[in-house]
């Protein structure tokens, strides 16, 4: 354990009950891929104050750290992470005021969608079933079935480590693009987000959510651990179609396999390692480059 992590651990253990501290926690327990070795330090802040304090302390001690949401697009290395993983999982509060719904960064998108449905406010149905947290969705402008976060976001609240302050960002300040935002280019970390929705009929909202959930089950390999779509969609092309036409459906390296159900997914068939996944990603990229002269950009974050 490096010196910075040692100092951070000592501080965290003295912080109090609002900060859960674990050492050597396997990251396979906290990612949708079910892959990954141990993190030197795993922190679970119970409040936004504890979360900001942990980030601030990591900066001050110069300890390596990674902020983890739902872990749905993350691949931790088999060797583990010689740093601190700071999880947002306990920051899952959801409130609404009229048609403005506010959720903390660790709230799952599915929970947020259900809350909106139960309050008879519409606009977030597209996000139902996206296996991520609010924080990750805001950062990457998550989208599906004709909708994106940018379509409903009012503002977000973030911690800025450089300033040591909490800041608010209006929609325009997010500089949203396809799977991109200002958060990908700064050190700011999402604490919460507010979504401006519209009145709707609860039954109709629920029916739309159920329809989307059914389509996901029919088309996506939800029966196996994965990290969702592996690659960003290149302009003018569909990744799944190119991979399928390249006869890569079912192609396997170790325990990692190109899904037979949807060629845009890599699934863990039970024994996949990070090395297996990374090798399969590169093989797919090489084949698609050769067949289509298209350079695929991987969406999965590799943490090592």
Protein backbone atom coordinates (compact mmCIF):
# COMPACT_ATOMS: atom_id res chain seq x y z
CA UNK A 1 0.00 0.00 0.00
CA UNK A 2 1.50 3.32 -1.06
CA UNK A 3 2.05 6.10 1.46
CA UNK A 4 -0.85 8.25 0.26
CA UNK A 5 -3.30 5.37 0.62
CA UNK A 6 -1.96 4.60 4.07
CA UNK A 7 -2.61 8.18 5.17
CA UNK A 8 -6.07 8.15 3.58
CA UNK A 9 -6.94 4.89 5.33
CA UNK A 10 -5.83 6.26 8.68
CA UNK A 11 -7.96 9.38 8.16
CA UNK A 12 -10.97 7.35 6.96
CA UNK A 13 -10.91 4.98 9.93
CA UNK A 14 -11.02 7.97 12.28
CA UNK A 15 -13.76 9.80 10.36
CA UNK A 16 -16.75 8.19 12.02
CA UNK A 17 -19.90 6.24 11.20
CA UNK A 18 -20.68 8.22 8.05
CA UNK A 19 -17.81 6.54 6.23
CA UNK A 20 -17.62 2.76 5.80
CA UNK A 21 -14.03 1.56 5.30
CA UNK A 22 -12.96 -1.76 3.76
CA UNK A 23 -9.51 -3.04 2.79
CA UNK A 24 -8.78 -5.51 -0.01
CA UNK A 25 -12.38 -5.49 -1.23
CA UNK A 26 -12.78 -7.55 -4.46
CA UNK A 27 -14.05 -5.29 -7.23
CA UNK A 28 -15.79 -8.26 -8.85
CA UNK A 29 -18.48 -7.73 -6.19
CA UNK A 30 -19.17 -4.18 -7.31
CA UNK A 31 -19.25 -4.25 -11.11
CA UNK A 32 -21.79 -5.62 -13.57
CA UNK A 33 -19.00 -7.58 -15.32
CA UNK A 34 -18.26 -9.45 -12.06
CA UNK A 35 -14.57 -9.10 -12.83
CA UNK A 36 -11.74 -7.45 -10.89
CA UNK A 37 -9.18 -7.92 -8.16
CA UNK A 38 -9.06 -6.18 -4.77
CA UNK A 39 -8.93 -2.45 -4.15
CA UNK A 40 -6.39 -1.39 -1.57
CA UNK A 41 -9.07 0.76 0.04
CA UNK A 42 -12.83 0.81 -0.51
CA UNK A 43 -14.79 3.72 0.96
CA UNK A 44 -18.58 4.02 1.13
CA UNK A 45 -19.59 7.52 2.27
CA UNK A 46 -23.07 7.64 3.76
CA UNK A 47 -23.60 11.37 3.15
CA UNK A 48 -22.58 13.96 0.57
CA UNK A 49 -20.51 15.65 3.27
CA UNK A 50 -18.54 12.45 3.92
CA UNK A 51 -18.15 11.89 0.18
CA UNK A 52 -16.71 15.38 -0.39
CA UNK A 53 -14.46 14.99 2.65
CA UNK A 54 -13.07 11.71 1.29
CA UNK A 55 -12.36 13.25 -2.13
CA UNK A 56 -10.73 16.27 -0.51
CA UNK A 57 -8.57 14.05 1.70
CA UNK A 58 -7.53 11.87 -1.24
CA UNK A 59 -6.34 15.00 -3.04
CA UNK A 60 -4.47 16.27 0.00
CA UNK A 61 -2.69 12.93 0.56
CA UNK A 62 -2.08 12.52 -3.20
CA UNK A 63 -3.68 9.08 -3.01
CA UNK A 64 -4.90 7.44 -6.22
CA UNK A 65 -8.67 7.16 -6.22
CA UNK A 66 -11.54 6.18 -8.47
CA UNK A 67 -15.17 7.18 -7.97
CA UNK A 68 -17.48 4.20 -8.56
CA UNK A 69 -21.19 4.38 -9.28
CA UNK A 70 -23.16 1.31 -10.29
CA UNK A 71 -20.09 -0.19 -11.95
CA UNK A 72 -22.04 -0.90 -15.12
CA UNK A 73 -19.41 0.26 -17.64
CA UNK A 74 -16.26 -0.45 -15.64
CA UNK A 75 -13.66 -3.20 -15.96
CA UNK A 76 -11.30 -3.50 -13.01
CA UNK A 77 -8.01 -5.23 -13.66
CA UNK A 78 -7.45 -8.76 -12.37
CA UNK A 79 -4.48 -7.49 -10.37
CA UNK A 80 -6.74 -5.08 -8.50
CA UNK A 81 -6.41 -1.37 -7.88
CA UNK A 82 -3.60 0.04 -5.74
CA UNK A 83 -5.67 3.00 -4.67
CA UNK A 84 -8.96 4.01 -3.10
CA UNK A 85 -12.32 3.26 -4.67
CA UNK A 86 -14.89 5.76 -3.38
CA UNK A 87 -18.40 4.43 -3.96
CA UNK A 88 -21.55 6.51 -4.37
CA UNK A 89 -23.87 3.58 -3.64
CA UNK A 90 -25.17 4.99 -0.34
CA UNK A 91 -25.94 8.38 -1.90
CA UNK A 92 -29.27 7.28 -3.32
CA UNK A 93 -31.81 9.84 -2.13
CA UNK A 94 -34.64 10.84 -4.50
CA UNK A 95 -37.02 13.76 -3.96
CA UNK A 96 -39.40 15.73 -6.15
CA UNK A 97 -40.99 19.14 -6.06
CA UNK A 98 -43.81 19.35 -8.55
CA UNK A 99 -42.30 18.27 -11.86
CA UNK A 100 -38.68 18.74 -10.73
CA UNK A 101 -37.16 15.44 -9.60
CA UNK A 102 -33.81 15.51 -7.80
CA UNK A 103 -31.68 12.42 -7.24
CA UNK A 104 -28.31 11.84 -5.63
CA UNK A 105 -25.46 10.47 -7.73
CA UNK A 106 -25.71 6.91 -6.44
CA UNK A 107 -29.41 6.45 -7.13
CA UNK A 108 -30.04 3.89 -9.85
CA UNK A 109 -31.74 5.11 -13.01
CA UNK A 110 -34.38 2.41 -12.63
CA UNK A 111 -35.25 3.63 -9.11
CA UNK A 112 -35.48 7.20 -10.38
CA UNK A 113 -37.77 6.13 -13.23
CA UNK A 114 -40.05 4.24 -10.83
CA UNK A 115 -40.24 7.27 -8.53
CA UNK A 116 -41.19 9.49 -11.47
CA UNK A 117 -43.84 6.97 -12.57
CA UNK A 118 -45.35 6.77 -9.07
CA UNK A 119 -45.49 10.59 -8.96
CA UNK A 120 -47.20 10.65 -12.40
CA UNK A 121 -44.44 12.70 -14.00
CA UNK A 122 -43.17 11.72 -17.43
CA UNK A 123 -40.02 12.14 -19.49
CA UNK A 124 -37.57 9.63 -18.01
CA UNK A 125 -39.12 6.46 -19.38
CA UNK A 126 -36.28 6.04 -21.92
CA UNK A 127 -33.83 5.53 -19.05
CA UNK A 128 -35.69 2.62 -17.48
CA UNK A 129 -33.44 -0.40 -17.46
CA UNK A 130 -30.21 1.46 -18.23
CA UNK A 131 -27.95 -0.29 -15.70
CA UNK A 132 -26.30 2.77 -14.28
CA UNK A 133 -26.48 5.42 -11.59
CA UNK A 134 -27.55 9.04 -11.90
CA UNK A 135 -23.96 10.24 -11.58
CA UNK A 136 -22.69 8.07 -14.40
CA UNK A 137 -25.68 8.91 -16.57
CA UNK A 138 -25.11 12.65 -16.18
CA UNK A 139 -21.41 12.30 -16.95
CA UNK A 140 -21.88 10.27 -20.15
CA UNK A 141 -25.21 11.70 -21.31
CA UNK A 142 -26.74 8.24 -21.14
CA UNK A 143 -29.50 7.50 -23.59
CA UNK A 144 -31.68 4.84 -25.16
CA UNK A 145 -34.87 4.44 -27.15
CA UNK A 146 -34.89 7.97 -28.50
CA UNK A 147 -34.04 9.86 -25.32
CA UNK A 148 -30.91 11.23 -23.64
CA UNK A 149 -30.16 12.77 -20.27
CA UNK A 150 -29.65 16.16 -21.92
CA UNK A 151 -33.32 16.13 -22.92
CA UNK A 152 -34.54 16.22 -19.31
CA UNK A 153 -31.68 17.56 -17.17
CA UNK A 154 -32.29 20.89 -15.42
CA UNK A 155 -29.01 21.14 -13.50
CA UNK A 156 -26.44 19.10 -11.63
CA UNK A 157 -24.57 19.68 -8.39
CA UNK A 158 -20.91 18.70 -8.22
CA UNK A 159 -17.88 18.76 -5.99
CA UNK A 160 -14.91 20.57 -7.52
CA UNK A 161 -11.72 19.19 -5.91
CA UNK A 162 -9.60 21.99 -7.38
CA UNK A 163 -11.71 24.62 -5.62
CA UNK A 164 -12.69 22.46 -2.67
CA UNK A 165 -16.25 23.67 -3.23
CA UNK A 166 -19.66 22.46 -4.31
CA UNK A 167 -20.80 24.01 -7.60
CA UNK A 168 -24.00 24.01 -9.67
CA UNK A 169 -24.03 23.50 -13.42
CA UNK A 170 -26.90 24.58 -15.65
CA UNK A 171 -27.86 22.41 -18.61
CA UNK A 172 -25.85 24.55 -21.05
CA UNK A 173 -22.74 24.27 -18.88
CA UNK A 174 -22.68 20.50 -19.38
CA UNK A 175 -21.61 20.94 -23.04
CA UNK A 176 -23.37 17.71 -23.92
CA UNK A 177 -22.50 15.62 -26.95
CA UNK A 178 -22.87 11.96 -27.86
CA UNK A 179 -21.84 10.08 -24.70
CA UNK A 180 -19.86 13.14 -23.67
CA UNK A 181 -20.07 16.07 -21.25
CA UNK A 182 -17.90 18.64 -19.50
CA UNK A 183 -17.51 16.16 -16.65
CA UNK A 184 -15.31 13.97 -18.84
CA UNK A 185 -12.87 16.85 -19.23
CA UNK A 186 -12.67 18.20 -15.66
CA UNK A 187 -12.12 16.81 -12.17
CA UNK A 188 -15.62 17.75 -11.02
CA UNK A 189 -17.65 14.89 -9.54
CA UNK A 190 -21.45 14.69 -9.68
CA UNK A 191 -23.23 14.76 -6.31
CA UNK A 192 -26.82 15.07 -7.52
CA UNK A 193 -28.93 16.05 -10.51
CA UNK A 194 -32.35 17.58 -11.08
CA UNK A 195 -34.62 16.59 -13.97
CA UNK A 196 -37.41 18.76 -15.32
CA UNK A 197 -40.28 16.48 -16.25
CA UNK A 198 -43.94 16.91 -17.27
CA UNK A 199 -47.26 15.70 -15.85
CA UNK A 200 -48.36 12.34 -17.18
CA UNK A 201 -50.69 9.42 -16.66
CA UNK A 202 -49.18 6.85 -14.32
CA UNK A 203 -50.62 3.94 -16.28
CA UNK A 204 -49.28 5.20 -19.58
CA UNK A 205 -45.86 5.92 -18.07
CA UNK A 206 -45.75 2.42 -16.57
CA UNK A 207 -46.82 0.83 -19.84
CA UNK A 208 -44.03 2.61 -21.72
CA UNK A 209 -41.49 1.53 -19.11
CA UNK A 210 -42.69 -2.07 -19.30
CA UNK A 211 -42.46 -1.99 -23.09
CA UNK A 212 -38.87 -0.74 -22.93
CA UNK A 213 -37.99 -3.36 -20.30
CA UNK A 214 -39.46 -6.08 -22.52
CA UNK A 215 -37.45 -4.94 -25.51
CA UNK A 216 -34.29 -4.96 -23.42
CA UNK A 217 -34.92 -8.52 -22.26
CA UNK A 218 -35.63 -9.65 -25.82
CA UNK A 219 -32.60 -8.02 -27.42
CA UNK A 220 -29.88 -7.85 -24.76
CA UNK A 221 -27.97 -10.66 -23.01
CA UNK A 222 -29.15 -9.74 -19.52
CA UNK A 223 -28.73 -13.33 -18.38
CA UNK A 224 -24.92 -12.91 -18.31
CA UNK A 225 -22.67 -10.37 -16.59
CA UNK A 226 -21.56 -7.64 -18.99
CA UNK A 227 -20.78 -3.94 -19.14
CA UNK A 228 -23.47 -3.08 -21.67
CA UNK A 229 -22.56 -1.86 -25.14
CA UNK A 230 -18.82 -2.21 -25.59
CA UNK A 231 -18.25 0.43 -28.27
CA UNK A 232 -19.56 3.87 -29.09
CA UNK A 233 -21.68 3.97 -32.23
CA UNK A 234 -19.56 5.28 -35.13
CA UNK A 235 -21.31 7.75 -37.39
CA UNK A 236 -23.13 5.98 -40.20
CA UNK A 237 -22.64 2.49 -38.78
CA UNK A 238 -24.09 0.06 -36.25
CA UNK A 239 -21.52 -1.80 -34.16
CA UNK A 240 -23.63 -4.91 -33.61
CA UNK A 241 -24.29 -5.27 -37.32
CA UNK A 242 -20.60 -4.93 -38.26
CA UNK A 243 -19.54 -7.43 -35.60
CA UNK A 244 -22.23 -9.91 -36.63
CA UNK A 245 -21.42 -9.58 -40.33
CA UNK A 246 -17.78 -10.26 -39.40
CA UNK A 247 -18.88 -13.67 -38.05
CA UNK A 248 -17.82 -12.79 -34.52
CA UNK A 249 -21.02 -13.72 -32.70
CA UNK A 250 -20.08 -16.35 -30.15
CA UNK A 251 -16.34 -15.72 -30.61
CA UNK A 252 -14.64 -16.37 -27.29
CA UNK A 253 -11.33 -15.65 -25.62
CA UNK A 254 -11.11 -17.41 -22.29
CA UNK A 255 -14.35 -16.73 -20.44
CA UNK A 256 -15.20 -13.59 -22.44
CA UNK A 257 -17.57 -14.01 -25.37
CA UNK A 258 -19.20 -11.87 -28.04
CA UNK A 259 -22.85 -12.32 -27.15
CA UNK A 260 -24.87 -14.67 -29.34
CA UNK A 261 -27.90 -12.51 -28.58
CA UNK A 262 -26.45 -9.06 -29.35
CA UNK A 263 -23.08 -8.71 -31.05
CA UNK A 264 -22.50 -5.29 -29.49
CA UNK A 265 -22.04 -6.91 -26.06
CA UNK A 266 -19.20 -8.89 -24.52
CA UNK A 267 -20.42 -11.22 -21.79
CA UNK A 268 -18.70 -13.00 -18.95
CA UNK A 269 -19.55 -16.69 -19.34
CA UNK A 270 -18.48 -17.33 -15.75
CA UNK A 271 -14.70 -17.30 -15.65
CA UNK A 272 -13.69 -14.25 -17.69
CA UNK A 273 -10.71 -12.20 -16.61
CA UNK A 274 -9.97 -8.60 -17.47
CA UNK A 275 -7.23 -9.90 -19.77
CA UNK A 276 -9.79 -12.00 -21.64
CA UNK A 277 -12.11 -9.02 -22.12
CA UNK A 278 -9.36 -6.65 -23.25
CA UNK A 279 -8.01 -9.21 -25.71
CA UNK A 280 -11.49 -9.72 -27.15
CA UNK A 281 -12.05 -5.96 -27.43
CA UNK A 282 -8.84 -5.61 -29.44
CA UNK A 283 -9.70 -8.59 -31.64
CA UNK A 284 -13.09 -7.08 -32.49
CA UNK A 285 -11.50 -3.71 -33.24
CA UNK A 286 -8.90 -5.33 -35.51
CA UNK A 287 -11.50 -7.31 -37.47
CA UNK A 288 -13.88 -4.37 -37.89
CA UNK A 289 -11.00 -2.11 -38.92
CA UNK A 290 -9.97 -4.63 -41.56
CA UNK A 291 -13.48 -5.26 -42.86
CA UNK A 292 -14.96 -1.75 -42.72
CA UNK A 293 -12.07 0.69 -42.25
CA UNK A 294 -13.91 1.87 -39.11
CA UNK A 295 -12.09 2.60 -35.86
CA UNK A 296 -14.18 1.49 -32.89
CA UNK A 297 -13.94 3.43 -29.63
CA UNK A 298 -14.39 1.38 -26.48
CA UNK A 299 -16.91 2.73 -23.95
CA UNK A 300 -15.79 0.49 -21.08
CA UNK A 301 -13.52 2.15 -18.51
CA UNK A 302 -10.52 -0.05 -17.67
CA UNK A 303 -9.29 0.64 -14.13
CA UNK A 304 -5.88 -0.69 -13.20
